[in-house]
Every structure is written in C-alpha cells, then in structure tokens.
Protein backbone atom coordinates (compact mmCIF):
# COMPACT_ATOMS: atom_id res chain seq x y z
CA MET A 1 15.12 -5.21 5.65
CA LYS A 2 11.59 -4.10 4.79
CA ILE A 3 9.38 -7.00 3.76
CA GLY A 4 5.92 -6.68 2.24
CA LEU A 5 3.74 -9.66 3.07
CA PHE A 6 1.19 -10.43 0.37
CA PHE A 7 -1.10 -13.10 1.80
CA GLY A 8 -3.36 -15.14 -0.41
CA SER A 9 -4.72 -18.49 -1.37
CA PHE A 10 -3.14 -18.03 -4.81
CA ASN A 11 -5.63 -20.57 -6.15
CA PRO A 12 -4.05 -20.15 -8.71
CA ILE A 13 -1.58 -17.28 -8.78
CA HIS A 14 -2.16 -14.93 -11.72
CA ILE A 15 -0.47 -11.97 -13.37
CA GLY A 16 -2.52 -9.51 -11.29
CA HIS A 17 -0.78 -10.76 -8.14
CA LEU A 18 2.64 -10.34 -9.74
CA ILE A 19 1.90 -6.89 -11.15
CA ILE A 20 0.87 -5.71 -7.69
CA ALA A 21 4.03 -7.16 -6.10
CA ASN A 22 6.13 -5.44 -8.77
CA GLN A 23 4.33 -2.11 -8.29
CA VAL A 24 4.93 -2.25 -4.52
CA LEU A 25 8.63 -2.95 -5.09
CA ASN A 26 8.97 -0.22 -7.71
CA ASN A 27 7.02 2.51 -5.91
CA THR A 28 7.60 2.08 -2.16
CA ASP A 29 10.46 1.49 0.26
CA ILE A 30 9.59 -2.23 0.46
CA GLU A 31 12.73 -4.20 -0.45
CA LYS A 32 11.24 -7.69 -0.86
CA VAL A 33 7.75 -9.12 -1.25
CA TRP A 34 6.88 -12.48 0.22
CA LEU A 35 3.89 -14.16 -1.40
CA VAL A 36 2.52 -16.01 1.62
CA VAL A 37 0.49 -19.00 0.47
CA SER A 38 -2.33 -19.52 2.97
CA PRO A 39 -3.18 -23.20 3.41
CA GLN A 40 -6.68 -22.36 4.61
CA ASN A 41 -8.20 -18.91 4.73
CA PRO A 42 -10.81 -18.74 7.51
CA PHE A 43 -13.15 -16.87 5.14
CA LYS A 44 -12.97 -19.31 2.21
CA ALA A 45 -14.28 -22.82 1.65
CA GLU A 46 -11.52 -25.42 1.70
CA ALA A 47 -13.29 -27.57 -0.90
CA ASP A 48 -12.26 -25.26 -3.77
CA LEU A 49 -8.59 -25.16 -2.79
CA LEU A 50 -5.91 -26.98 -4.72
CA HIS A 51 -3.56 -28.69 -2.23
CA GLU A 52 -1.28 -26.14 -0.54
CA ASN A 53 1.96 -27.70 -1.84
CA LYS A 54 0.69 -27.57 -5.41
CA ARG A 55 -0.30 -23.90 -5.01
CA LEU A 56 3.11 -23.17 -3.48
CA SER A 57 4.79 -24.87 -6.45
CA LEU A 58 2.81 -22.68 -8.86
CA VAL A 59 3.88 -19.55 -6.96
CA LYS A 60 7.53 -20.65 -6.86
CA LYS A 61 7.56 -21.29 -10.59
CA SER A 62 5.90 -17.94 -11.24
CA VAL A 63 8.55 -15.94 -9.36
CA SER A 64 11.63 -18.00 -10.17
CA GLY A 65 14.44 -15.76 -11.33
CA ASP A 66 13.15 -12.66 -9.49
CA LYS A 67 15.20 -12.27 -6.30
CA ARG A 68 12.87 -9.51 -5.07
CA ILE A 69 9.85 -11.83 -4.71
CA THR A 70 9.73 -15.01 -2.63
CA ALA A 71 7.13 -17.75 -2.34
CA SER A 72 6.55 -18.40 1.36
CA ASN A 73 5.09 -21.47 3.04
CA VAL A 74 5.40 -20.00 6.56
CA GLU A 75 1.72 -20.67 7.32
CA PHE A 76 2.02 -24.37 6.48
CA GLN A 77 3.59 -25.04 9.88
CA LEU A 78 1.12 -22.92 11.85
CA SER A 79 -2.32 -23.97 13.07
CA LYS A 80 -5.22 -23.92 10.59
CA PRO A 81 -7.13 -21.97 9.59
CA SER A 82 -4.48 -19.32 9.00
CA PHE A 83 -4.90 -16.16 11.05
CA THR A 84 -2.72 -13.26 9.93
CA VAL A 85 -2.10 -12.08 13.50
CA ASN A 86 -0.56 -15.47 14.39
CA THR A 87 1.63 -15.45 11.30
CA LEU A 88 2.85 -11.94 12.03
CA SER A 89 3.71 -12.87 15.61
CA TYR A 90 5.63 -15.93 14.41
CA LEU A 91 7.54 -13.92 11.79
CA GLU A 92 8.47 -11.20 14.27
CA LYS A 93 10.05 -13.79 16.55
CA LYS A 94 11.81 -15.64 13.74
CA TYR A 95 13.07 -12.51 11.94
CA PRO A 96 13.50 -9.82 14.62
CA ARG A 97 15.61 -7.60 12.34
CA TYR A 98 13.01 -7.42 9.56
CA GLY A 99 10.27 -4.83 9.33
CA PHE A 100 7.01 -6.30 8.07
CA SER A 101 4.10 -4.60 6.34
CA LEU A 102 0.98 -6.00 4.71
CA ILE A 103 -0.03 -5.75 1.08
CA MET A 104 -3.75 -5.99 0.39
CA GLY A 105 -6.50 -4.89 -1.91
CA SER A 106 -9.16 -2.36 -0.99
CA ASP A 107 -11.69 -5.23 -1.05
CA SER A 108 -9.82 -7.18 1.64
CA PHE A 109 -9.33 -4.04 3.69
CA GLN A 110 -13.10 -3.53 3.89
CA SER A 111 -13.42 -6.82 5.82
CA LEU A 112 -10.34 -6.31 8.01
CA HIS A 113 -12.55 -5.59 11.03
CA LYS A 114 -13.62 -9.26 10.88
CA TRP A 115 -10.04 -10.54 11.24
CA ARG A 116 -8.83 -11.99 14.53
CA ASP A 117 -7.13 -9.29 16.66
CA PHE A 118 -7.37 -6.80 13.79
CA LYS A 119 -6.70 -3.86 16.14
CA SER A 120 -3.27 -5.22 17.10
CA ILE A 121 -2.48 -5.63 13.39
CA LEU A 122 -3.50 -2.03 12.71
CA ASN A 123 -1.46 -0.73 15.65
CA LYS A 124 1.76 -2.46 14.61
CA TYR A 125 1.81 -2.68 10.81
CA SER A 126 1.51 -0.44 7.79
CA ILE A 127 -0.71 -1.54 4.95
CA PHE A 128 0.26 -1.06 1.33
CA MET A 129 -3.06 -1.05 -0.46
CA TYR A 130 -3.96 -1.39 -4.09
CA LYS A 131 -7.39 -0.42 -5.33
CA ARG A 132 -9.76 -3.07 -6.59
CA PRO A 133 -12.34 -2.29 -9.29
CA GLY A 134 -15.54 -0.96 -7.74
CA VAL A 135 -14.15 -0.82 -4.18
CA GLU A 136 -13.22 2.57 -2.81
CA VAL A 137 -10.74 2.96 0.03
CA ASN A 138 -12.65 3.77 3.19
CA ASN A 139 -10.28 4.10 6.13
CA LYS A 140 -12.81 4.07 8.98
CA LEU A 141 -10.35 1.94 10.95
CA LYS A 142 -7.71 4.70 10.81
CA ALA A 143 -5.04 2.29 9.58
CA LYS A 144 -1.57 3.34 8.44
CA ILE A 145 -2.26 3.03 4.71
CA VAL A 146 -0.04 3.72 1.73
CA ILE A 147 -1.98 3.62 -1.54
CA VAL A 148 0.07 1.90 -4.24
CA ASP A 149 -0.54 3.11 -7.75
CA SER A 150 -1.31 -0.04 -9.69
CA PRO A 151 -3.33 -0.85 -12.79
CA MET A 152 -6.85 -1.96 -11.86
CA LEU A 153 -7.02 -5.41 -13.38
CA ASP A 154 -10.22 -7.31 -12.81
CA ILE A 155 -8.65 -10.78 -12.81
CA SER A 156 -9.75 -13.37 -10.30
CA SER A 157 -8.59 -16.85 -9.47
CA THR A 158 -12.24 -17.91 -9.35
CA GLU A 159 -12.75 -16.89 -12.98
CA ILE A 160 -9.50 -18.61 -13.98
CA ARG A 161 -10.68 -21.87 -12.37
CA GLU A 162 -13.99 -21.52 -14.22
CA LEU A 163 -12.17 -21.03 -17.53
CA ILE A 164 -10.16 -24.19 -16.88
CA ARG A 165 -13.28 -26.20 -16.02
CA ASN A 166 -14.86 -25.02 -19.28
CA GLY A 167 -11.82 -25.96 -21.36
CA LYS A 168 -10.91 -22.32 -22.15
CA SER A 169 -7.44 -20.81 -22.39
CA ILE A 170 -5.82 -19.12 -19.40
CA ARG A 171 -2.84 -17.92 -21.43
CA TYR A 172 -1.82 -14.35 -20.52
CA LEU A 173 -3.77 -14.55 -17.24
CA VAL A 174 -1.39 -16.93 -15.46
CA PRO A 175 2.43 -16.91 -15.74
CA ASP A 176 3.54 -19.42 -18.39
CA LYS A 177 5.42 -21.73 -16.00
CA ALA A 178 2.39 -21.97 -13.73
CA ARG A 179 0.02 -22.43 -16.69
CA GLU A 180 2.16 -25.26 -18.03
CA GLU A 181 2.08 -27.04 -14.66
CA ILE A 182 -1.70 -26.53 -14.37
CA GLU A 183 -2.23 -27.98 -17.84
CA ARG A 184 0.24 -30.85 -17.37
CA HIS A 185 -1.40 -32.02 -14.14
CA GLN A 186 -4.94 -30.97 -15.15
CA TYR A 187 -5.43 -28.92 -11.99
CA TYR A 188 -8.89 -27.42 -11.49
CA LYS A 189 -10.47 -29.62 -14.17
CA LYS A 190 -13.03 -31.14 -11.76
C-alpha cells in the first residue's frame, strides 16, 4: 500500500490541510494519507502548541468518516523533538510492506536541507509537493518531487489562533467538528 505522510503540528488543523490531502489522493497513486501529528517540531516553539492529544483529537474529528485519511500519533512514542528521519525509520520497520512518501509544501521544502539526515530522506522517499503562495519550487537538492495540483489557499494555523484570541469566527477555515471542540474547550483563547 502506498501511504502519503503529511507531517504537521496541526495547531489547529484547517481546511487547507484537508484539501491538500484530498488532492493528493485524487491526483496521485497514493492510496492513503496519514496526517502525522508532530508533538514537537524542532523548528517551532513549544509554548504555542496545544497539547498533542488535543491536537490529535481535532485531527481525528476532522477526518472521521473518510477511510482514506488517518490521524496518526506515531511520533508520540518517539523521542522529542520529532525528527522525520527517525519517524520514517520506525515506520519502515513497523510496516515493511508499505511504501511511504512525504507530502509537503514548497515552503517546507525550501528548508529541507536543515532537517536531520535530509540526504537519506531524499535518497529513499518521493515528495509530493503542493505550492504555497509566494514560494516557488526550487529543486536544488535534486529530490524526487511530484507537484500536486492544488488550490493555493493562504490559510495558516497561526492566523486561526490569532482570530480565536481576538474573538473572531473561524467558521469555514476549520472543519466544523474541530471548530466545535475548539469553541467548547476554549482552546487558543490565552
């Protein structure tokens, strides 16, 4: 089975994430997308992160009913911060019959050279890339890239958190089930 791994903090998940997952599934040979919730990204401050189990719950609620997309907590049991190369190694051992690829935006790809053991990632895995507004695809690393045609939505979790802090609506930016949980528990209010 061909699995596309879409790593992210998902702090919170939003419709842009889900549109990209759907586009990958509709337009490539990827059979399932795993939304891998990263407990701690080495490039992001932990202070802004909602607890990993709460973020995982939001992702699960957002994809419930879609058998093609799975919320994954695989990185919760690995050492922190989360390094993609370690996660990939773990998944290869646990699921030897699966073929894994990465899903990432052109913005993340531009900093891939800063990732731990990025050359081994590039040698072993294909990257399904979606373009981000204002960030061209520059493949200086000579990665195996497949460009996924996807609408360029300029939606960010940072802006969604800011809207929440300012008492503004996040309707239509976040899946309804996730939005309801965010509002019920007053996540991101502080």
